[in-house]
Amino acid sequence: MNNNWVTKKWLGVTLSATIGLSALGAVWVPASNTAYAAVSYNTTITYGVNLRDKPGSSGDILRMLKKGEKVAVVNEAGSGWLQVQTAKGEKGFISSADKYSSYQDGGQSGGGEGSGEEENSSKRSQVISLAKSYMGRVTYDFGTRNPSKLIFDCSSFTQFIYEKVGVDLKWGTSSQKSQGKAVSRANLKTGDLIFFDTIGSNNRVINHVGIYMGNGQFIHNAPSADGVLISPLDSGYWKDRYVSARSVF
């Protein structure tokens, strides 16, 4: 990459507005279809959670239910699981752990999706896979968030990606730089947000955000490529423009 050209490009643009039930010791018997006949969608998803085809972390993931979605709880399906129907008519199972929904199960939430660390690791990987899937499809435009046409700036792109795994980011690096918890450069993990100062010398005024991929690389939406690209963090243009990082998992 021609650093002189890239520097001119970045100087001209201020980036981002300020990116097996056997394990449960039970046998699951599917409910009859009539169990879904009369439903009340009065339970709210409060944290992104996987909708699975069976109760238990070994069940296949049908999709991620997003924060704010409404579901009907049909049944308590064994220790730590709820049988639900979504407002779209989808049927499946979610963890009954308190953080995932507003449903109160009388203290039966001990099971769940497994360890939080395991779930977060899965979400971190999903973030990277999703971001990579938009390479060659997204157009960069400062101050724009247009999901239908896939036109974003750096922080609206990160907002768009993380939303898909149930993480609520605000638009703008001025907000995202304070979300989650601080992470040192030496302790970066896949899926962490990383922030840069791209205007002149690095005086730590954040104006760009990307997603750390591991192995010294990050993925971001940038005007220098007019879209999503993968860049090295520890060499070239970006090495001395790093400012900080945050974990939102």
Protein backbone atom coordinates (compact mmCIF):
# COMPACT_ATOMS: atom_id res chain seq x y z
CA MET A 1 0.00 0.00 0.00
CA ASN A 2 1.39 3.43 -0.90
CA ASN A 3 1.59 5.21 2.45
CA ASN A 4 1.78 8.70 0.91
CA TRP A 5 -1.41 8.07 -1.05
CA VAL A 6 -3.13 6.54 1.96
CA THR A 7 -2.11 9.46 4.18
CA LYS A 8 -3.56 11.97 1.73
CA LYS A 9 -6.73 9.92 1.54
CA TRP A 10 -7.12 9.82 5.30
CA LEU A 11 -6.22 13.48 5.74
CA GLY A 12 -9.04 14.40 3.38
CA VAL A 13 -11.65 12.39 5.22
CA THR A 14 -12.49 12.42 8.93
CA LEU A 15 -13.50 8.86 9.59
CA SER A 16 -16.60 7.94 11.48
CA ALA A 17 -18.77 10.47 13.21
CA THR A 18 -16.62 10.67 16.06
CA ILE A 19 -17.61 0.25 13.67
CA GLY A 20 -27.99 -34.28 23.37
CA LEU A 21 -30.33 -34.11 26.16
CA SER A 22 -28.51 -37.10 27.48
CA ALA A 23 -26.15 -34.67 29.07
CA LEU A 24 -29.10 -33.20 30.95
CA GLY A 25 -30.20 -36.58 32.21
CA ALA A 26 -33.60 -36.25 30.62
CA VAL A 27 -35.49 -37.24 27.54
CA TRP A 28 -37.09 -34.52 25.48
CA VAL A 29 -40.55 -35.24 24.08
CA PRO A 30 -41.60 -32.65 21.47
CA ALA A 31 -44.76 -30.79 22.28
CA SER A 32 -47.70 -31.31 19.99
CA ASN A 33 -48.44 -28.63 17.45
CA THR A 34 -51.50 -27.66 19.42
CA ALA A 35 -49.23 -26.38 22.17
CA TYR A 36 -48.60 -23.37 19.96
CA ALA A 37 -52.24 -22.71 19.19
CA ALA A 38 -52.74 -19.83 21.63
CA VAL A 39 -49.65 -17.79 22.37
CA SER A 40 -48.89 -14.49 24.04
CA TYR A 41 -45.66 -12.80 22.99
CA ASN A 42 -45.02 -11.26 26.40
CA THR A 43 -41.43 -12.33 26.95
CA THR A 44 -38.68 -10.00 25.72
CA ILE A 45 -35.19 -11.04 24.68
CA THR A 46 -32.87 -8.92 26.81
CA TYR A 47 -29.54 -10.20 25.43
CA GLY A 48 -28.75 -11.90 22.14
CA VAL A 49 -29.35 -15.63 22.51
CA ASN A 50 -29.24 -18.63 20.18
CA LEU A 51 -32.53 -20.22 19.12
CA ARG A 52 -31.82 -23.96 18.92
CA ASP A 53 -33.73 -26.91 17.49
CA LYS A 54 -33.35 -28.88 20.73
CA PRO A 55 -32.89 -27.91 24.39
CA GLY A 56 -29.19 -28.15 25.18
CA SER A 57 -26.01 -26.55 23.87
CA SER A 58 -25.61 -29.46 21.42
CA GLY A 59 -28.79 -28.43 19.59
CA ASP A 60 -28.34 -26.89 16.15
CA ILE A 61 -28.53 -23.09 16.08
CA LEU A 62 -31.49 -21.91 14.01
CA ARG A 63 -30.59 -18.23 14.37
CA MET A 64 -29.66 -15.58 16.91
CA LEU A 65 -32.60 -13.88 18.62
CA LYS A 66 -31.82 -10.19 18.98
CA LYS A 67 -32.25 -7.99 22.00
CA GLY A 68 -35.79 -6.57 22.02
CA GLU A 69 -37.48 -9.44 20.14
CA LYS A 70 -40.72 -10.80 21.61
CA VAL A 71 -41.32 -14.53 22.09
CA ALA A 72 -43.96 -16.76 23.61
CA VAL A 73 -42.73 -19.23 26.22
CA VAL A 74 -44.55 -22.48 25.57
CA ASN A 75 -42.86 -24.67 28.14
CA GLU A 76 -39.93 -25.06 30.49
CA ALA A 77 -37.94 -27.74 28.68
CA GLY A 78 -35.68 -29.37 31.22
CA SER A 79 -33.11 -27.69 33.44
CA GLY A 80 -32.11 -24.31 32.07
CA TRP A 81 -34.09 -24.25 28.80
CA LEU A 82 -37.28 -22.69 27.50
CA GLN A 83 -39.39 -23.87 24.59
CA VAL A 84 -40.45 -20.76 22.68
CA GLN A 85 -42.19 -19.49 19.60
CA THR A 86 -41.08 -16.25 17.97
CA ALA A 87 -43.39 -13.59 16.58
CA LYS A 88 -42.40 -14.91 13.14
CA GLY A 89 -43.76 -18.35 14.01
CA GLU A 90 -40.36 -19.99 14.49
CA LYS A 91 -40.24 -22.73 17.12
CA GLY A 92 -37.23 -23.71 19.16
CA PHE A 93 -35.40 -23.49 22.45
CA ILE A 94 -33.42 -20.83 24.29
CA SER A 95 -31.46 -20.70 27.52
CA SER A 96 -33.57 -19.74 30.53
CA ALA A 97 -30.67 -17.87 32.13
CA ASP A 98 -31.95 -14.55 33.49
CA LYS A 99 -29.77 -12.35 31.31
CA TYR A 100 -31.28 -13.63 28.04
CA SER A 101 -34.96 -12.85 28.53
CA SER A 102 -37.53 -11.26 30.82
CA TYR A 103 -39.09 -14.65 31.58
CA GLN A 104 -38.92 -15.75 35.19
CA ASP A 105 -38.68 -19.54 35.51
CA GLY A 106 -38.80 -19.96 39.25
CA GLY A 107 -35.10 -20.54 39.67
CA GLN A 108 -34.65 -23.15 36.95
CA SER A 109 -31.99 -21.19 35.09
CA GLY A 110 -28.95 -23.07 36.23
CA GLY A 111 -28.17 -24.76 32.91
CA GLY A 112 -28.14 -22.39 29.98
CA GLU A 113 -25.89 -22.03 27.01
CA GLY A 114 -22.88 -23.34 28.85
CA SER A 115 -20.15 -21.09 30.16
CA GLY A 116 -20.30 -17.41 29.27
CA GLU A 117 -16.75 -17.70 28.02
CA GLU A 118 -17.73 -20.40 25.52
CA GLU A 119 -20.65 -18.38 24.22
CA ASN A 120 -18.58 -15.20 23.92
CA SER A 121 -15.88 -17.06 22.02
CA SER A 122 -18.52 -18.20 19.54
CA LYS A 123 -19.79 -14.63 19.12
CA ARG A 124 -16.26 -13.33 18.57
CA SER A 125 -15.78 -15.80 15.75
CA GLN A 126 -19.17 -14.94 14.27
CA VAL A 127 -18.27 -11.25 14.18
CA ILE A 128 -15.16 -11.95 12.10
CA SER A 129 -16.97 -14.32 9.73
CA LEU A 130 -19.76 -11.79 9.21
CA ALA A 131 -17.38 -8.90 8.59
CA LYS A 132 -15.40 -10.94 6.04
CA SER A 133 -18.61 -11.91 4.27
CA TYR A 134 -19.15 -8.24 3.35
CA MET A 135 -15.79 -7.76 1.66
CA GLY A 136 -16.40 -6.53 -1.88
CA ARG A 137 -20.04 -5.73 -1.11
CA VAL A 138 -19.87 -2.65 1.11
CA THR A 139 -19.26 0.94 0.01
CA TYR A 140 -17.65 3.48 2.35
CA ASP A 141 -19.32 6.85 2.82
CA PHE A 142 -18.57 9.15 5.73
CA GLY A 143 -21.59 9.82 7.96
CA THR A 144 -23.77 7.15 6.33
CA ARG A 145 -25.60 4.14 7.71
CA ASN A 146 -27.62 2.50 4.95
CA PRO A 147 -27.93 -1.27 5.56
CA SER A 148 -30.29 -1.81 2.61
CA LYS A 149 -27.68 -0.52 0.14
CA LEU A 150 -24.68 -1.66 2.25
CA ILE A 151 -23.26 1.87 2.52
CA PHE A 152 -21.52 2.62 5.82
CA ASP A 153 -18.75 4.57 7.45
CA CYS A 154 -16.38 2.79 9.81
CA SER A 155 -18.51 2.88 12.97
CA SER A 156 -21.86 2.27 11.32
CA PHE A 157 -20.28 -0.84 9.80
CA THR A 158 -19.14 -2.14 13.19
CA GLN A 159 -22.57 -1.29 14.60
CA PHE A 160 -24.19 -3.26 11.74
CA ILE A 161 -21.96 -6.31 12.27
CA TYR A 162 -22.17 -6.53 16.05
CA GLU A 163 -25.93 -6.08 15.99
CA LYS A 164 -26.14 -9.38 14.13
CA VAL A 165 -24.72 -11.22 17.15
CA GLY A 166 -26.89 -9.40 19.68
CA VAL A 167 -24.44 -6.66 20.72
CA ASP A 168 -25.90 -3.15 20.79
CA LEU A 169 -23.31 -0.60 19.65
CA LYS A 170 -23.99 3.08 19.22
CA TRP A 171 -23.09 4.80 15.98
CA GLY A 172 -19.92 6.89 16.14
CA THR A 173 -16.42 6.25 17.42
CA SER A 174 -17.01 8.88 20.12
CA SER A 175 -19.53 6.46 21.67
CA GLN A 176 -18.02 3.11 20.73
CA LYS A 177 -14.64 4.01 22.26
CA SER A 178 -16.32 3.96 25.69
CA GLN A 179 -18.55 0.89 25.33
CA GLY A 180 -17.66 -2.43 26.92
CA LYS A 181 -14.40 -2.61 28.83
CA ALA A 182 -10.87 -1.48 28.05
CA VAL A 183 -8.39 -4.01 26.64
CA SER A 184 -4.64 -3.51 26.38
CA ARG A 185 -2.92 -3.90 23.04
CA ALA A 186 -1.00 -6.87 24.42
CA ASN A 187 -4.23 -8.65 25.40
CA LEU A 188 -6.31 -8.16 22.26
CA LYS A 189 -8.71 -10.95 21.38
CA THR A 190 -10.56 -11.80 18.21
CA GLY A 191 -13.66 -9.62 17.99
CA ASP A 192 -12.34 -6.70 20.04
CA LEU A 193 -12.96 -3.19 18.73
CA ILE A 194 -9.75 -1.26 18.01
CA PHE A 195 -9.52 2.51 17.59
CA PHE A 196 -7.17 4.76 15.64
CA ASP A 197 -6.13 8.37 15.09
CA THR A 198 -5.60 8.84 11.35
CA ILE A 199 -5.26 12.62 11.12
CA GLY A 200 -1.67 13.89 11.13
CA SER A 201 0.50 12.79 14.04
CA ASN A 202 -1.12 10.50 16.57
CA ASN A 203 -2.43 12.75 19.34
CA ARG A 204 -4.90 10.03 20.37
CA VAL A 205 -7.99 11.72 18.96
CA ILE A 206 -10.00 8.72 17.82
CA ASN A 207 -11.61 8.88 14.37
CA HIS A 208 -11.55 5.30 13.07
CA VAL A 209 -12.59 1.87 14.32
CA GLY A 210 -11.96 -1.69 13.18
CA ILE A 211 -12.36 -5.25 14.46
CA TYR A 212 -9.36 -7.27 15.63
CA MET A 213 -9.09 -10.62 13.85
CA GLY A 214 -6.13 -12.13 15.67
CA ASN A 215 -2.63 -12.78 14.35
CA GLY A 216 -1.90 -9.06 14.16
CA GLN A 217 -4.66 -8.27 11.66
CA PHE A 218 -7.90 -6.32 11.76
CA ILE A 219 -10.86 -5.85 9.44
CA HIS A 220 -12.49 -2.46 8.85
CA ASN A 221 -14.51 -0.32 6.47
CA ALA A 222 -12.20 2.36 5.06
CA PRO A 223 -12.20 5.07 2.38
CA SER A 224 -8.70 4.10 1.24
CA ALA A 225 -10.27 0.94 -0.17
CA ASP A 226 -13.82 2.31 -0.45
CA GLY A 227 -15.01 -0.73 1.40
CA VAL A 228 -14.10 -3.53 3.79
CA LEU A 229 -10.49 -4.68 3.90
CA ILE A 230 -8.05 -6.53 6.14
CA SER A 231 -4.96 -4.64 7.32
CA PRO A 232 -1.91 -5.43 9.49
CA LEU A 233 -1.98 -3.81 12.91
CA ASP A 234 1.69 -4.04 13.77
CA SER A 235 3.31 -2.82 10.57
CA GLY A 236 2.85 -0.25 7.83
CA TYR A 237 0.38 2.63 7.97
CA TRP A 238 -1.56 1.47 11.04
CA LYS A 239 1.29 0.57 13.38
CA ASP A 240 1.67 4.02 14.94
CA ARG A 241 -1.96 5.13 14.65
CA TYR A 242 -3.41 2.68 17.17
CA VAL A 243 -4.98 4.39 20.21
CA SER A 244 -7.06 1.93 22.23
CA ALA A 245 -9.28 -1.16 22.25
CA ARG A 246 -12.54 -2.30 23.87
CA SER A 247 -14.19 -5.65 24.46
CA VAL A 248 -17.99 -5.68 24.22
CA PHE A 249 -18.39 -9.39 25.06
